[in-house]
Amino acid sequence: MQFGILSTANIGDESVVPAIEATDHEVRAVASRDADAAADYAERHGIPESYDSYDALLDADVDAVYVPLPNALHAEWTKRAADAGLHVLCEKPLAADAEEAVDVVEHCADAGVTLMEAFMYRYHPRTVRALDVARDELGDLRHVHAAFSFPLPQGPDVRVDPDLAGGALMDVGCYAVSAARQFLGEPALAAATTHDGRDCGVDTQVSGTFEFEDGATATIEAGFETRVHQTYRVEGTNGWLEAENAYNPGVEETVLRWGTDEKTVEERFDAVDAYRLEVEEFAAAVDAGRDPLTDGEEAVANMRAIDALYESDATGETVPL
C-alpha cells in the first residue's frame, strides 16, 4: 500500500511514518502548507514526493492517507480524502464532536473507502490480553479507573487551542474514555468537571465519571499539568487487573498484573511497536474490504461519551447518553 501523509506533525514523524516503513507498505508522499517543511520531512524519511498543499497530495499516486492534523481539521480532510477515493487512517479523535463524527463515517461509507481511527493502544497485545482476562477471570466487572496525564510544555500548542478542538479530554482523555468503554460497554450516565489552568479556552484538567446500566461505574482523569501517568485498573467480583504506561508504552517490554482470590499473576509482553500493528491492521482491513477494529462506529461511540462529559461540565448536571 502506498501512503500519503497529510502534515508533518510529530506523531507521524516520530511514530507512524517509521511504523509504516517497518512494514511491507510505503510512504509515497507527504504534504505541508510549508513547502520547505515538507521537503525536509521527505528527505529525512526517504519519501519520494513532497507537496506544498494537502490538496496536491490527494491527487498523488497513493492508496491511502494518514491524517495527523489538529483535531478540528480531521473531519474536513478525511472527507476530502474519501472524495478522492483514498482510504483514511485518521488520528484520534476522529472529529470535534459526535455529530461531526457521524457525518464523517457516513461520508466515507458513501465513498466506499475504509476509515480507521488511530487508537493504536487497542492493537497492543497487552490490551488484547487484558480484555480477555477481564472477560474470563474477573467475574462481573464493577469499576474501571482510567487516567492519562502528562506535563505539556507552556507556550502555543494546537492541543490548547480552542479553535482547533484542543483540550486534555480530547487529546489524552479520549484514551481513558476508550479504555472504560472497552471493559464496561457504553455508559448510561456521565458527569465531569474540567479546569482551564492556563486560561487558554480549553480544559487542561478533567475528572469524570460514568455509570452503566448494570450499576458498574468508571472514573476518568486526564490532564496537561501533572507528571506522566497513564493507567487503567479494572475491579471485578472475582478479581482485578491493572496496566501502567497503558496507552503509549513505547517499543519496550510491558507488564499486565491481575489477580483473583486464588492467585496473583504478572504477565510480560515482548517489546512491540503498536503503531506498526495499527498500520498492518489498517492495510489488512483495506485489503479484505472489512471494517477495522477501531472503525467509524467505534469512533462515534467514543465521541458521544466525550460529548456527554463536556455537556455535564457545562451544565453542572449528570448527562444521560
C-alpha atoms as a PDB file:
ATOM      1  CA  MET A   1       0.000   0.000   0.000  1.00  0.00           C
ATOM      2  CA  GLN A   2       1.204   3.500  -0.871  1.00  0.00           C
ATOM      3  CA  PHE A   3       0.567   6.052   1.899  1.00  0.00           C
ATOM      4  CA  GLY A   4       0.357   9.823   1.783  1.00  0.00           C
ATOM      5  CA  ILE A   5       0.898  11.818   4.986  1.00  0.00           C
ATOM      6  CA  LEU A   6      -1.202  14.958   5.494  1.00  0.00           C
ATOM      7  CA  SER A   7       1.066  17.250   7.563  1.00  0.00           C
ATOM      8  CA  THR A   8       4.457  16.998   9.204  1.00  0.00           C
ATOM      9  CA  ALA A   9       3.063  16.578  12.735  1.00  0.00           C
ATOM     10  CA  ASN A  10       5.334  14.982  15.325  1.00  0.00           C
ATOM     11  CA  ILE A  11       3.174  11.888  15.811  1.00  0.00           C
ATOM     12  CA  GLY A  12       3.678  10.947  12.181  1.00  0.00           C
ATOM     13  CA  ASP A  13       7.308  11.988  12.110  1.00  0.00           C
ATOM     14  CA  GLU A  14       8.313  10.085  15.233  1.00  0.00           C
ATOM     15  CA  SER A  15       5.940   7.128  15.299  1.00  0.00           C
ATOM     16  CA  VAL A  16       3.615   6.395  12.382  1.00  0.00           C
ATOM     17  CA  VAL A  17       5.916   7.004   9.413  1.00  0.00           C
ATOM     18  CA  PRO A  18       8.666   4.805  10.933  1.00  0.00           C
ATOM     19  CA  ALA A  19       5.979   2.189  11.640  1.00  0.00           C
ATOM     20  CA  ILE A  20       4.852   2.198   8.006  1.00  0.00           C
ATOM     21  CA  GLU A  21       8.480   1.936   6.907  1.00  0.00           C
ATOM     22  CA  ALA A  22       8.849  -1.168   9.121  1.00  0.00           C
ATOM     23  CA  THR A  23       6.054  -2.957   7.220  1.00  0.00           C
ATOM     24  CA  ASP A  24       5.726  -4.100   3.630  1.00  0.00           C
ATOM     25  CA  HIS A  25       3.990  -0.793   2.836  1.00  0.00           C
ATOM     26  CA  GLU A  26       5.499   2.519   1.761  1.00  0.00           C
ATOM     27  CA  VAL A  27       5.114   6.213   2.382  1.00  0.00           C
ATOM     28  CA  ARG A  28       4.912   7.678  -1.093  1.00  0.00           C
ATOM     29  CA  ALA A  29       4.229  11.343  -0.348  1.00  0.00           C
ATOM     30  CA  VAL A  30       3.984  13.964   2.369  1.00  0.00           C
ATOM     31  CA  ALA A  31       2.277  17.357   2.321  1.00  0.00           C
ATOM     32  CA  SER A  32       2.596  20.519   4.366  1.00  0.00           C
ATOM     33  CA  ARG A  33       1.436  24.084   3.884  1.00  0.00           C
ATOM     34  CA  ASP A  34       5.150  24.892   4.178  1.00  0.00           C
ATOM     35  CA  ALA A  35       6.974  23.542   1.114  1.00  0.00           C
ATOM     36  CA  ASP A  36      10.359  23.582   2.852  1.00  0.00           C
ATOM     37  CA  ALA A  37       9.000  21.646   5.834  1.00  0.00           C
ATOM     38  CA  ALA A  38       7.513  19.018   3.531  1.00  0.00           C
ATOM     39  CA  ALA A  39      10.739  18.707   1.556  1.00  0.00           C
ATOM     40  CA  ASP A  40      12.845  18.361   4.709  1.00  0.00           C
ATOM     41  CA  TYR A  41      10.460  15.749   6.118  1.00  0.00           C
ATOM     42  CA  ALA A  42      10.573  13.798   2.856  1.00  0.00           C
ATOM     43  CA  GLU A  43      14.368  13.893   2.771  1.00  0.00           C
ATOM     44  CA  ARG A  44      14.714  12.664   6.358  1.00  0.00           C
ATOM     45  CA  HIS A  45      12.394   9.721   5.761  1.00  0.00           C
ATOM     46  CA  GLY A  46      13.359   8.928   2.189  1.00  0.00           C
ATOM     47  CA  ILE A  47       9.854   9.763   0.944  1.00  0.00           C
ATOM     48  CA  PRO A  48       9.834  10.159  -2.866  1.00  0.00           C
ATOM     49  CA  GLU A  49       7.383  13.075  -3.145  1.00  0.00           C
ATOM     50  CA  SER A  50       6.562  16.193  -1.147  1.00  0.00           C
ATOM     51  CA  TYR A  51       3.833  18.767  -1.727  1.00  0.00           C
ATOM     52  CA  ASP A  52       3.126  22.285  -0.521  1.00  0.00           C
ATOM     53  CA  SER A  53      -0.620  21.694  -0.133  1.00  0.00           C
ATOM     54  CA  TYR A  54      -2.859  18.941   1.140  1.00  0.00           C
ATOM     55  CA  ASP A  55      -4.991  19.136  -1.989  1.00  0.00           C
ATOM     56  CA  ALA A  56      -1.974  18.335  -4.166  1.00  0.00           C
ATOM     57  CA  LEU A  57      -1.245  15.187  -2.189  1.00  0.00           C
ATOM     58  CA  LEU A  58      -4.796  13.941  -2.712  1.00  0.00           C
ATOM     59  CA  ASP A  59      -4.017  13.858  -6.438  1.00  0.00           C
ATOM     60  CA  ALA A  60      -0.784  11.902  -5.922  1.00  0.00           C
ATOM     61  CA  ASP A  61      -0.347   8.210  -6.727  1.00  0.00           C
ATOM     62  CA  VAL A  62      -1.273   6.927  -3.266  1.00  0.00           C
ATOM     63  CA  ASP A  63      -3.809   4.398  -1.980  1.00  0.00           C
ATOM     64  CA  ALA A  64      -4.447   5.851   1.465  1.00  0.00           C
ATOM     65  CA  VAL A  65      -3.715   8.845   3.648  1.00  0.00           C
ATOM     66  CA  TYR A  66      -2.734   9.183   7.279  1.00  0.00           C
ATOM     67  CA  VAL A  67      -4.249  12.304   8.862  1.00  0.00           C
ATOM     68  CA  PRO A  68      -2.394  13.664  11.930  1.00  0.00           C
ATOM     69  CA  LEU A  69      -3.709  17.221  11.548  1.00  0.00           C
ATOM     70  CA  PRO A  70      -5.142  19.206  14.507  1.00  0.00           C
ATOM     71  CA  ASN A  71      -8.445  17.808  15.768  1.00  0.00           C
ATOM     72  CA  ALA A  72     -10.624  20.464  14.157  1.00  0.00           C
ATOM     73  CA  LEU A  73      -9.286  19.545  10.702  1.00  0.00           C
ATOM     74  CA  HIS A  74      -9.763  15.766  10.928  1.00  0.00           C
ATOM     75  CA  ALA A  75     -13.295  15.721   9.561  1.00  0.00           C
ATOM     76  CA  GLU A  76     -12.675  18.048   6.625  1.00  0.00           C
ATOM     77  CA  TRP A  77      -9.592  16.291   5.316  1.00  0.00           C
ATOM     78  CA  THR A  78     -10.887  12.793   5.975  1.00  0.00           C
ATOM     79  CA  LYS A  79     -13.923  13.581   3.833  1.00  0.00           C
ATOM     80  CA  ARG A  80     -11.820  15.220   1.141  1.00  0.00           C
ATOM     81  CA  ALA A  81      -9.549  12.195   1.021  1.00  0.00           C
ATOM     82  CA  ALA A  82     -12.596   9.949   0.732  1.00  0.00           C
ATOM     83  CA  ASP A  83     -13.848  12.079  -2.159  1.00  0.00           C
ATOM     84  CA  ALA A  84     -10.522  11.376  -3.863  1.00  0.00           C
ATOM     85  CA  GLY A  85     -11.121   7.630  -3.427  1.00  0.00           C
ATOM     86  CA  LEU A  86      -8.460   7.245  -0.737  1.00  0.00           C
ATOM     87  CA  HIS A  87      -8.703   5.086   2.376  1.00  0.00           C
ATOM     88  CA  VAL A  88      -8.127   7.010   5.610  1.00  0.00           C
ATOM     89  CA  LEU A  89      -6.204   6.306   8.797  1.00  0.00           C
ATOM     90  CA  CYS A  90      -7.135   9.315  10.945  1.00  0.00           C
ATOM     91  CA  GLU A  91      -5.623  10.241  14.275  1.00  0.00           C
ATOM     92  CA  LYS A  92      -7.896  10.232  17.283  1.00  0.00           C
ATOM     93  CA  PRO A  93     -10.302  11.790  17.903  1.00  0.00           C
ATOM     94  CA  LEU A  94     -11.950  11.379  14.519  1.00  0.00           C
ATOM     95  CA  ALA A  95     -13.876  14.655  14.784  1.00  0.00           C
ATOM     96  CA  ALA A  96     -14.609  17.616  17.025  1.00  0.00           C
ATOM     97  CA  ASP A  97     -17.852  16.076  18.321  1.00  0.00           C
ATOM     98  CA  ALA A  98     -20.133  13.102  17.773  1.00  0.00           C
ATOM     99  CA  GLU A  99     -22.381  14.817  15.237  1.00  0.00           C
ATOM    100  CA  GLU A 100     -19.384  15.608  13.070  1.00  0.00           C
ATOM    101  CA  ALA A 101     -18.068  12.064  13.543  1.00  0.00           C
ATOM    102  CA  VAL A 102     -21.344  10.600  12.273  1.00  0.00           C
ATOM    103  CA  ASP A 103     -21.103  12.827   9.202  1.00  0.00           C
ATOM    104  CA  VAL A 104     -17.538  11.656   8.509  1.00  0.00           C
ATOM    105  CA  VAL A 105     -18.434   7.985   8.901  1.00  0.00           C
ATOM    106  CA  GLU A 106     -21.424   8.271   6.573  1.00  0.00           C
ATOM    107  CA  HIS A 107     -19.356  10.230   4.052  1.00  0.00           C
ATOM    108  CA  CYS A 108     -16.641   7.563   3.943  1.00  0.00           C
ATOM    109  CA  ALA A 109     -19.224   4.797   3.663  1.00  0.00           C
ATOM    110  CA  ASP A 110     -20.885   6.563   0.733  1.00  0.00           C
ATOM    111  CA  ALA A 111     -17.473   6.954  -0.913  1.00  0.00           C
ATOM    112  CA  GLY A 112     -16.716   3.261  -0.440  1.00  0.00           C
ATOM    113  CA  VAL A 113     -13.421   3.788   1.406  1.00  0.00           C
ATOM    114  CA  THR A 114     -12.073   2.234   4.589  1.00  0.00           C
ATOM    115  CA  LEU A 115     -11.957   4.519   7.628  1.00  0.00           C
ATOM    116  CA  MET A 116      -9.938   3.750  10.748  1.00  0.00           C
ATOM    117  CA  GLU A 117      -9.362   5.845  13.862  1.00  0.00           C
ATOM    118  CA  ALA A 118      -5.751   5.595  15.027  1.00  0.00           C
ATOM    119  CA  PHE A 119      -6.182   4.348  18.605  1.00  0.00           C
ATOM    120  CA  MET A 120      -3.002   2.324  18.418  1.00  0.00           C
ATOM    121  CA  TYR A 121      -3.156   1.094  22.050  1.00  0.00           C
ATOM    122  CA  ARG A 122      -6.075  -1.153  21.031  1.00  0.00           C
ATOM    123  CA  TYR A 123      -3.671  -3.177  18.851  1.00  0.00           C
ATOM    124  CA  HIS A 124      -1.079  -3.818  21.545  1.00  0.00           C
ATOM    125  CA  PRO A 125      -1.026  -7.497  22.637  1.00  0.00           C
ATOM    126  CA  ARG A 126      -1.310  -6.452  26.282  1.00  0.00           C
ATOM    127  CA  THR A 127      -4.583  -4.617  25.619  1.00  0.00           C
ATOM    128  CA  VAL A 128      -5.958  -7.646  23.795  1.00  0.00           C
ATOM    129  CA  ARG A 129      -4.941  -9.888  26.677  1.00  0.00           C
ATOM    130  CA  ALA A 130      -6.346  -7.502  29.315  1.00  0.00           C
ATOM    131  CA  LEU A 131      -9.773  -7.629  27.696  1.00  0.00           C
ATOM    132  CA  ASP A 132      -9.620 -11.430  27.637  1.00  0.00           C
ATOM    133  CA  VAL A 133      -8.585 -11.632  31.297  1.00  0.00           C
ATOM    134  CA  ALA A 134     -11.327  -9.213  32.319  1.00  0.00           C
ATOM    135  CA  ARG A 135     -13.932 -11.285  30.486  1.00  0.00           C
ATOM    136  CA  ASP A 136     -12.727 -14.736  31.538  1.00  0.00           C
ATOM    137  CA  GLU A 137     -11.214 -14.327  35.019  1.00  0.00           C
ATOM    138  CA  LEU A 138     -12.623 -11.353  36.925  1.00  0.00           C
ATOM    139  CA  GLY A 139     -16.314 -12.171  37.225  1.00  0.00           C
ATOM    140  CA  ASP A 140     -18.773  -9.301  36.853  1.00  0.00           C
ATOM    141  CA  LEU A 141     -16.868  -6.096  36.175  1.00  0.00           C
ATOM    142  CA  ARG A 142     -17.902  -3.369  38.594  1.00  0.00           C
ATOM    143  CA  HIS A 143     -15.443  -0.487  38.227  1.00  0.00           C
ATOM    144  CA  VAL A 144     -12.731   0.912  35.975  1.00  0.00           C
ATOM    145  CA  HIS A 145     -10.352   3.722  36.761  1.00  0.00           C
ATOM    146  CA  ALA A 146      -8.585   5.118  33.690  1.00  0.00           C
ATOM    147  CA  ALA A 147      -6.163   8.038  33.582  1.00  0.00           C
ATOM    148  CA  PHE A 148      -3.778   9.717  31.148  1.00  0.00           C
ATOM    149  CA  SER A 149      -1.837  12.846  32.083  1.00  0.00           C
ATOM    150  CA  PHE A 150       1.462  14.425  31.109  1.00  0.00           C
ATOM    151  CA  PRO A 151       3.113  17.835  31.570  1.00  0.00           C
ATOM    152  CA  LEU A 152       2.507  19.776  28.341  1.00  0.00           C
ATOM    153  CA  PRO A 153       5.160  22.495  27.954  1.00  0.00           C
ATOM    154  CA  GLN A 154       3.995  26.078  28.272  1.00  0.00           C
ATOM    155  CA  GLY A 155       3.511  28.101  25.112  1.00  0.00           C
ATOM    156  CA  PRO A 156       1.448  27.923  21.929  1.00  0.00           C
ATOM    157  CA  ASP A 157       0.273  24.424  21.038  1.00  0.00           C
ATOM    158  CA  VAL A 158      -2.604  23.053  18.959  1.00  0.00           C
ATOM    159  CA  ARG A 159      -3.593  20.951  21.976  1.00  0.00           C
ATOM    160  CA  VAL A 160      -4.584  24.080  23.938  1.00  0.00           C
ATOM    161  CA  ASP A 161      -6.160  25.966  21.032  1.00  0.00           C
ATOM    162  CA  PRO A 162      -9.970  26.181  21.265  1.00  0.00           C
ATOM    163  CA  ASP A 163     -10.234  26.940  17.550  1.00  0.00           C
ATOM    164  CA  LEU A 164      -8.569  23.594  16.799  1.00  0.00           C
ATOM    165  CA  ALA A 165     -10.713  21.489  19.180  1.00  0.00           C
ATOM    166  CA  GLY A 166      -7.957  21.250  21.750  1.00  0.00           C
ATOM    167  CA  GLY A 167      -8.242  20.181  25.364  1.00  0.00           C
ATOM    168  CA  ALA A 168      -6.956  17.479  27.682  1.00  0.00           C
ATOM    169  CA  LEU A 169     -10.090  15.383  27.293  1.00  0.00           C
ATOM    170  CA  MET A 170      -9.817  15.447  23.505  1.00  0.00           C
ATOM    171  CA  ASP A 171      -6.071  14.799  23.420  1.00  0.00           C
ATOM    172  CA  VAL A 172      -5.429  12.211  26.126  1.00  0.00           C
ATOM    173  CA  GLY A 173      -8.711  11.816  27.979  1.00  0.00           C
ATOM    174  CA  CYS A 174     -10.116  10.132  24.882  1.00  0.00           C
ATOM    175  CA  TYR A 175      -7.847   7.169  25.701  1.00  0.00           C
ATOM    176  CA  ALA A 176      -9.234   6.896  29.225  1.00  0.00           C
ATOM    177  CA  VAL A 177     -12.791   7.104  27.880  1.00  0.00           C
ATOM    178  CA  SER A 178     -11.979   4.412  25.340  1.00  0.00           C
ATOM    179  CA  ALA A 179     -10.484   2.107  27.960  1.00  0.00           C
ATOM    180  CA  ALA A 180     -13.510   2.404  30.257  1.00  0.00           C
ATOM    181  CA  ARG A 181     -15.805   1.595  27.335  1.00  0.00           C
ATOM    182  CA  GLN A 182     -13.770  -1.410  26.197  1.00  0.00           C
ATOM    183  CA  PHE A 183     -14.168  -3.065  29.579  1.00  0.00           C
ATOM    184  CA  LEU A 184     -17.670  -1.949  30.599  1.00  0.00           C
ATOM    185  CA  GLY A 185     -19.546  -1.134  27.400  1.00  0.00           C
ATOM    186  CA  GLU A 186     -21.459   2.036  26.639  1.00  0.00           C
ATOM    187  CA  PRO A 187     -22.194   4.327  29.591  1.00  0.00           C
ATOM    188  CA  ALA A 188     -25.724   5.352  30.537  1.00  0.00           C
ATOM    189  CA  LEU A 189     -24.836   8.487  32.509  1.00  0.00           C
ATOM    190  CA  ALA A 190     -21.859  10.866  32.527  1.00  0.00           C
ATOM    191  CA  ALA A 191     -20.659  13.600  34.852  1.00  0.00           C
ATOM    192  CA  ALA A 192     -17.498  15.704  34.741  1.00  0.00           C
ATOM    193  CA  THR A 193     -15.702  18.796  35.866  1.00  0.00           C
ATOM    194  CA  THR A 194     -12.872  20.487  33.979  1.00  0.00           C
ATOM    195  CA  HIS A 195     -10.300  23.145  34.770  1.00  0.00           C
ATOM    196  CA  ASP A 196      -8.551  25.581  32.448  1.00  0.00           C
ATOM    197  CA  GLY A 197      -5.251  26.018  34.253  1.00  0.00           C
ATOM    198  CA  ARG A 198      -3.703  28.170  31.520  1.00  0.00           C
ATOM    199  CA  ASP A 199      -6.621  30.490  30.757  1.00  0.00           C
ATOM    200  CA  CYS A 200      -6.390  29.208  27.192  1.00  0.00           C
ATOM    201  CA  GLY A 201     -10.034  28.469  26.499  1.00  0.00           C
ATOM    202  CA  VAL A 202      -9.887  24.668  26.784  1.00  0.00           C
ATOM    203  CA  ASP A 203      -9.658  22.145  29.599  1.00  0.00           C
ATOM    204  CA  THR A 204      -6.176  21.384  30.849  1.00  0.00           C
ATOM    205  CA  GLN A 205      -7.515  19.015  33.508  1.00  0.00           C
ATOM    206  CA  VAL A 206     -10.644  16.866  33.544  1.00  0.00           C
ATOM    207  CA  SER A 207     -12.189  14.457  36.029  1.00  0.00           C
ATOM    208  CA  GLY A 208     -15.272  12.469  35.105  1.00  0.00           C
ATOM    209  CA  THR A 209     -17.472   9.540  36.000  1.00  0.00           C
ATOM    210  CA  PHE A 210     -19.599   7.120  34.011  1.00  0.00           C
ATOM    211  CA  GLU A 211     -22.462   4.978  35.250  1.00  0.00           C
ATOM    212  CA  PHE A 212     -23.612   1.910  33.335  1.00  0.00           C
ATOM    213  CA  GLU A 213     -26.966   0.188  33.029  1.00  0.00           C
ATOM    214  CA  ASP A 214     -25.870  -2.720  35.241  1.00  0.00           C
ATOM    215  CA  GLY A 215     -24.683  -0.389  38.017  1.00  0.00           C
ATOM    216  CA  ALA A 216     -20.979  -0.534  37.155  1.00  0.00           C
ATOM    217  CA  THR A 217     -19.019   2.716  37.321  1.00  0.00           C
ATOM    218  CA  ALA A 218     -15.887   4.260  35.839  1.00  0.00           C
ATOM    219  CA  THR A 219     -13.724   7.218  36.793  1.00  0.00           C
ATOM    220  CA  ILE A 220     -11.801   9.176  34.183  1.00  0.00           C
ATOM    221  CA  GLU A 221      -8.858  11.531  34.682  1.00  0.00           C
ATOM    222  CA  ALA A 222      -6.771  13.430  32.151  1.00  0.00           C
ATOM    223  CA  GLY A 223      -4.593  16.492  32.086  1.00  0.00           C
ATOM    224  CA  PHE A 224      -1.667  18.532  30.864  1.00  0.00           C
ATOM    225  CA  GLU A 225      -0.457  19.732  34.284  1.00  0.00           C
ATOM    226  CA  THR A 226       0.894  16.714  36.167  1.00  0.00           C
ATOM    227  CA  ARG A 227       3.528  14.022  35.787  1.00  0.00           C
ATOM    228  CA  VAL A 228       3.303  11.353  33.114  1.00  0.00           C
ATOM    229  CA  HIS A 229       0.636   8.943  34.296  1.00  0.00           C
ATOM    230  CA  GLN A 230      -1.244   6.538  32.029  1.00  0.00           C
ATOM    231  CA  THR A 231      -3.079   3.639  33.551  1.00  0.00           C
ATOM    232  CA  TYR A 232      -6.225   1.595  33.801  1.00  0.00           C
ATOM    233  CA  ARG A 233      -7.374  -0.608  36.657  1.00  0.00           C
ATOM    234  CA  VAL A 234     -10.365  -2.925  36.478  1.00  0.00           C
ATOM    235  CA  GLU A 235     -12.229  -4.297  39.509  1.00  0.00           C
ATOM    236  CA  GLY A 236     -14.487  -7.329  39.219  1.00  0.00           C
ATOM    237  CA  THR A 237     -16.409  -9.528  41.617  1.00  0.00           C
ATOM    238  CA  ASN A 238     -13.691 -12.165  41.344  1.00  0.00           C
ATOM    239  CA  GLY A 239     -10.528 -10.128  40.843  1.00  0.00           C
ATOM    240  CA  TRP A 240      -8.688  -7.131  39.434  1.00  0.00           C
ATOM    241  CA  LEU A 241      -6.215  -6.145  36.742  1.00  0.00           C
ATOM    242  CA  GLU A 242      -4.034  -3.126  36.085  1.00  0.00           C
ATOM    243  CA  ALA A 243      -1.620  -1.781  33.489  1.00  0.00           C
ATOM    244  CA  GLU A 244       0.839   1.106  33.666  1.00  0.00           C
ATOM    245  CA  ASN A 245       2.046   3.029  30.600  1.00  0.00           C
ATOM    246  CA  ALA A 246      -1.254   1.764  29.287  1.00  0.00           C
ATOM    247  CA  TYR A 247      -1.791   3.827  26.145  1.00  0.00           C
ATOM    248  CA  ASN A 248       1.648   4.651  24.800  1.00  0.00           C
ATOM    249  CA  PRO A 249       4.087   2.128  26.242  1.00  0.00           C
ATOM    250  CA  GLY A 250       6.768   2.674  23.640  1.00  0.00           C
ATOM    251  CA  VAL A 251       8.723  -0.087  21.984  1.00  0.00           C
ATOM    252  CA  GLU A 252       9.645  -1.970  25.122  1.00  0.00           C
ATOM    253  CA  GLU A 253       8.566  -4.879  27.296  1.00  0.00           C
ATOM    254  CA  THR A 254       5.223  -4.326  29.025  1.00  0.00           C
ATOM    255  CA  VAL A 255       3.540  -5.897  32.044  1.00  0.00           C
ATOM    256  CA  LEU A 256      -0.068  -6.794  32.878  1.00  0.00           C
ATOM    257  CA  ARG A 257      -0.830  -7.530  36.522  1.00  0.00           C
ATOM    258  CA  TRP A 258      -4.001  -9.251  37.620  1.00  0.00           C
ATOM    259  CA  GLY A 259      -5.301 -11.342  40.434  1.00  0.00           C
ATOM    260  CA  THR A 260      -8.167 -13.301  41.950  1.00  0.00           C
ATOM    261  CA  ASP A 261      -8.763 -14.782  45.389  1.00  0.00           C
ATOM    262  CA  GLU A 262      -6.753 -17.800  44.278  1.00  0.00           C
ATOM    263  CA  LYS A 263      -3.729 -16.223  42.595  1.00  0.00           C
ATOM    264  CA  THR A 264      -1.807 -13.140  41.567  1.00  0.00           C
ATOM    265  CA  VAL A 265      -0.344 -13.068  38.057  1.00  0.00           C
ATOM    266  CA  GLU A 266       2.253 -10.887  36.333  1.00  0.00           C
ATOM    267  CA  GLU A 267       2.305 -11.369  32.565  1.00  0.00           C
ATOM    268  CA  ARG A 268       5.115  -9.898  30.491  1.00  0.00           C
ATOM    269  CA  PHE A 269       4.852  -8.989  26.824  1.00  0.00           C
ATOM    270  CA  ASP A 270       7.786  -8.723  24.454  1.00  0.00           C
ATOM    271  CA  ALA A 271       8.727  -5.339  23.049  1.00  0.00           C
ATOM    272  CA  VAL A 272       6.474  -4.474  20.114  1.00  0.00           C
ATOM    273  CA  ASP A 273       5.673  -1.405  18.035  1.00  0.00           C
ATOM    274  CA  ALA A 274       1.920  -0.926  18.436  1.00  0.00           C
ATOM    275  CA  TYR A 275       1.967   1.687  15.674  1.00  0.00           C
ATOM    276  CA  ARG A 276       3.233  -0.973  13.269  1.00  0.00           C
ATOM    277  CA  LEU A 277       0.445  -3.308  14.363  1.00  0.00           C
ATOM    278  CA  GLU A 278      -2.038  -0.489  13.803  1.00  0.00           C
ATOM    279  CA  VAL A 279      -0.741   0.103  10.278  1.00  0.00           C
ATOM    280  CA  GLU A 280      -0.870  -3.605   9.492  1.00  0.00           C
ATOM    281  CA  GLU A 281      -4.475  -3.862  10.719  1.00  0.00           C
ATOM    282  CA  PHE A 282      -5.445  -0.875   8.596  1.00  0.00           C
ATOM    283  CA  ALA A 283      -3.857  -2.344   5.477  1.00  0.00           C
ATOM    284  CA  ALA A 284      -5.400  -5.767   6.152  1.00  0.00           C
ATOM    285  CA  ALA A 285      -8.847  -4.214   6.567  1.00  0.00           C
ATOM    286  CA  VAL A 286      -8.466  -2.328   3.293  1.00  0.00           C
ATOM    287  CA  ASP A 287      -7.274  -5.462   1.501  1.00  0.00           C
ATOM    288  CA  ALA A 288     -10.133  -7.581   2.870  1.00  0.00           C
ATOM    289  CA  GLY A 289     -12.796  -4.920   2.418  1.00  0.00           C
ATOM    290  CA  ARG A 290     -13.790  -5.208   6.082  1.00  0.00           C
ATOM    291  CA  ASP A 291     -14.143  -2.780   8.974  1.00  0.00           C
ATOM    292  CA  PRO A 292     -11.059  -2.407  11.196  1.00  0.00           C
ATOM    293  CA  LEU A 293     -11.219  -2.824  14.966  1.00  0.00           C
ATOM    294  CA  THR A 294     -11.247   0.936  15.584  1.00  0.00           C
ATOM    295  CA  ASP A 295     -13.757   1.740  12.876  1.00  0.00           C
ATOM    296  CA  GLY A 296     -16.148   4.631  12.406  1.00  0.00           C
ATOM    297  CA  GLU A 297     -18.838   3.180  14.646  1.00  0.00           C
ATOM    298  CA  GLU A 298     -16.318   2.878  17.481  1.00  0.00           C
ATOM    299  CA  ALA A 299     -15.140   6.452  16.898  1.00  0.00           C
ATOM    300  CA  VAL A 300     -18.694   7.791  17.086  1.00  0.00           C
ATOM    301  CA  ALA A 301     -19.391   5.909  20.326  1.00  0.00           C
ATOM    302  CA  ASN A 302     -16.263   7.327  21.964  1.00  0.00           C
ATOM    303  CA  MET A 303     -17.153  10.854  20.843  1.00  0.00           C
ATOM    304  CA  ARG A 304     -20.660  10.538  22.262  1.00  0.00           C
ATOM    305  CA  ALA A 305     -19.167   9.708  25.649  1.00  0.00           C
ATOM    306  CA  ILE A 306     -16.733  12.629  25.391  1.00  0.00           C
ATOM    307  CA  ASP A 307     -19.547  14.998  24.383  1.00  0.00           C
ATOM    308  CA  ALA A 308     -21.548  13.913  27.428  1.00  0.00           C
ATOM    309  CA  LEU A 309     -18.624  14.687  29.738  1.00  0.00           C
ATOM    310  CA  TYR A 310     -18.263  18.168  28.234  1.00  0.00           C
ATOM    311  CA  GLU A 311     -22.024  18.768  28.462  1.00  0.00           C
ATOM    312  CA  SER A 312     -22.012  17.761  32.111  1.00  0.00           C
ATOM    313  CA  ASP A 313     -19.182  20.173  32.850  1.00  0.00           C
ATOM    314  CA  ALA A 314     -21.030  22.983  31.061  1.00  0.00           C
ATOM    315  CA  THR A 315     -24.397  22.387  32.740  1.00  0.00           C
ATOM    316  CA  GLY A 316     -23.356  21.058  36.130  1.00  0.00           C
ATOM    317  CA  GLU A 317     -25.772  18.169  35.609  1.00  0.00           C
ATOM    318  CA  THR A 318     -25.424  14.443  35.121  1.00  0.00           C
ATOM    319  CA  VAL A 319     -25.996  13.738  31.427  1.00  0.00           C
ATOM    320  CA  PRO A 320     -27.773  10.666  30.028  1.00  0.00           C
ATOM    321  CA  LEU A 321     -26.360   9.099  26.894  1.00  0.00           C
END
